[in-house]
Protein backbone atom coordinates (compact mmCIF):
# COMPACT_ATOMS: atom_id res chain seq x y z
CA UNK A 1 21.99 7.89 33.45
CA UNK A 2 21.92 6.59 29.97
CA UNK A 3 22.33 3.18 30.92
CA UNK A 4 19.28 3.22 32.86
CA UNK A 5 17.22 4.58 30.29
CA UNK A 6 18.56 2.16 27.80
CA UNK A 7 17.62 -0.94 30.08
CA UNK A 8 14.48 0.84 30.85
CA UNK A 9 13.80 0.91 26.84
CA UNK A 10 14.61 -2.69 26.16
CA UNK A 11 12.95 -4.06 29.24
CA UNK A 12 9.40 -2.11 27.76
CA UNK A 13 10.59 -3.42 24.29
CA UNK A 14 10.87 -6.97 25.93
CA UNK A 15 7.68 -6.56 27.81
CA UNK A 16 5.50 -5.75 24.95
CA UNK A 17 7.08 -8.17 22.63
CA UNK A 18 6.49 -10.63 25.45
CA UNK A 19 3.22 -9.81 25.60
CA UNK A 20 2.27 -9.95 21.69
CA UNK A 21 1.79 -6.38 21.59
CA UNK A 22 3.74 -4.23 18.94
CA UNK A 23 4.77 -0.74 19.04
CA UNK A 24 3.04 1.74 16.20
CA UNK A 25 6.75 2.25 15.74
CA UNK A 26 7.77 -0.72 15.03
CA UNK A 27 5.25 -2.35 13.07
CA UNK A 28 5.30 1.08 10.62
CA UNK A 29 8.66 -0.27 10.27
CA UNK A 30 8.28 -3.60 9.67
CA UNK A 31 5.63 -2.79 6.62
CA UNK A 32 8.08 -0.41 5.31
CA UNK A 33 10.57 -3.29 5.23
CA UNK A 34 8.19 -5.44 3.74
CA UNK A 35 6.61 -3.61 1.28
CA UNK A 36 10.25 -2.41 0.14
CA UNK A 37 11.38 -5.81 0.04
CA UNK A 38 8.55 -7.14 -1.98
CA UNK A 39 9.66 -4.21 -4.84
CA UNK A 40 12.80 -3.93 -6.09
CA UNK A 41 11.97 -0.60 -7.90
CA UNK A 42 11.57 1.08 -4.98
CA UNK A 43 15.30 0.44 -3.89
CA UNK A 44 16.40 2.36 -6.86
CA UNK A 45 13.96 5.45 -6.23
CA UNK A 46 11.53 4.67 -9.12
CA UNK A 47 8.44 4.16 -6.91
CA UNK A 48 7.04 4.95 -3.76
CA UNK A 49 5.25 2.03 -1.88
CA UNK A 50 2.50 2.89 0.77
CA UNK A 51 1.18 0.32 2.60
CA UNK A 52 -2.51 0.63 3.35
CA UNK A 53 -5.91 -0.70 2.68
CA UNK A 54 -9.50 -0.20 2.33
CA UNK A 55 -12.26 0.33 0.19
CA UNK A 56 -12.95 3.00 -2.36
CA UNK A 57 -15.40 3.23 -5.53
CA UNK A 58 -15.48 3.05 -9.64
CA UNK A 59 -16.11 6.70 -10.65
CA UNK A 60 -17.01 5.73 -14.04
CA UNK A 61 -17.99 2.10 -15.72
CA UNK A 62 -15.43 1.04 -17.86
CA UNK A 63 -12.06 2.43 -16.64
CA UNK A 64 -9.46 -0.25 -17.10
CA UNK A 65 -7.83 -2.12 -14.54
CA UNK A 66 -4.17 -2.73 -15.55
CA UNK A 67 -1.30 -5.66 -14.84
CA UNK A 68 0.86 -3.10 -13.55
CA UNK A 69 0.92 0.82 -11.74
CA UNK A 70 1.88 1.99 -15.71
CA UNK A 71 -0.80 3.24 -18.28
CA UNK A 72 1.41 0.92 -20.57
CA UNK A 73 0.01 -2.24 -18.81
CA UNK A 74 -2.53 -4.51 -20.31
CA UNK A 75 -6.24 -4.22 -19.69
CA UNK A 76 -7.13 -7.15 -17.43
CA UNK A 77 -10.67 -6.01 -16.74
CA UNK A 78 -13.14 -2.88 -16.94
CA UNK A 79 -15.30 -1.71 -14.09
CA UNK A 80 -18.87 -2.55 -14.34
CA UNK A 81 -20.52 0.78 -12.80
CA UNK A 82 -19.94 3.73 -11.53
CA UNK A 83 -19.94 3.22 -7.66
CA UNK A 84 -18.50 0.26 -8.23
CA UNK A 85 -17.22 -1.32 -4.66
CA UNK A 86 -13.32 -2.01 -5.31
CA UNK A 87 -11.17 -3.41 -2.45
CA UNK A 88 -7.22 -2.10 -2.44
CA UNK A 89 -4.57 -3.53 -0.32
CA UNK A 90 -1.64 -1.33 -1.47
CA UNK A 91 -0.82 2.18 -3.15
CA UNK A 92 1.95 3.29 -5.72
CA UNK A 93 3.37 6.25 -6.96
CA UNK A 94 5.19 5.12 -10.42
CA UNK A 95 8.24 7.06 -11.61
CA UNK A 96 6.44 9.72 -13.26
CA UNK A 97 4.29 10.88 -10.53
CA UNK A 98 1.16 8.59 -10.99
CA UNK A 99 -0.66 7.53 -8.06
CA UNK A 100 -2.15 3.35 -8.57
CA UNK A 101 -4.38 1.42 -6.40
CA UNK A 102 -3.41 -2.24 -6.39
CA UNK A 103 -6.92 -3.89 -6.23
CA UNK A 104 -7.73 -7.47 -4.97
CA UNK A 105 -11.67 -7.34 -5.01
CA UNK A 106 -13.44 -7.80 -7.38
CA UNK A 107 -10.54 -9.19 -9.17
CA UNK A 108 -6.82 -8.42 -9.00
CA UNK A 109 -5.58 -5.39 -10.65
CA UNK A 110 -4.32 -1.97 -10.59
CA UNK A 111 -6.40 0.83 -11.55
CA UNK A 112 -5.07 4.66 -11.54
CA UNK A 113 -6.47 6.82 -8.95
CA UNK A 114 -7.90 9.31 -11.06
CA UNK A 115 -10.86 6.56 -11.87
CA UNK A 116 -11.86 6.06 -7.92
CA UNK A 117 -13.16 7.76 -5.22
CA UNK A 118 -9.63 7.85 -3.37
CA UNK A 119 -7.29 10.34 -3.03
CA UNK A 120 -4.63 10.76 -5.45
């Protein structure tokens, strides 16, 4: 009975891969592996990487966007106005428990979650 179940699972998996469809569990697993591989701190348990992307807005003008996901990072640029649209492509929790969003629009950098409308 186990062999039939295993064979059915393998057959379905092969059909999905051959059809170009990625199963949701497989996609989540691959994303997690890619993200973990791209961040060496994750392996040591210092940070948590969340693979997500979306749009948010700046809460105030002049909030810093930094070169790292720590408050000690250099300021690369500052938000121009309250409500400024910001696109992020990842979210990280550093070893102090602070959540940061990695932006790619209008410019690249890291912004603290308390400075944007997206949830902490």
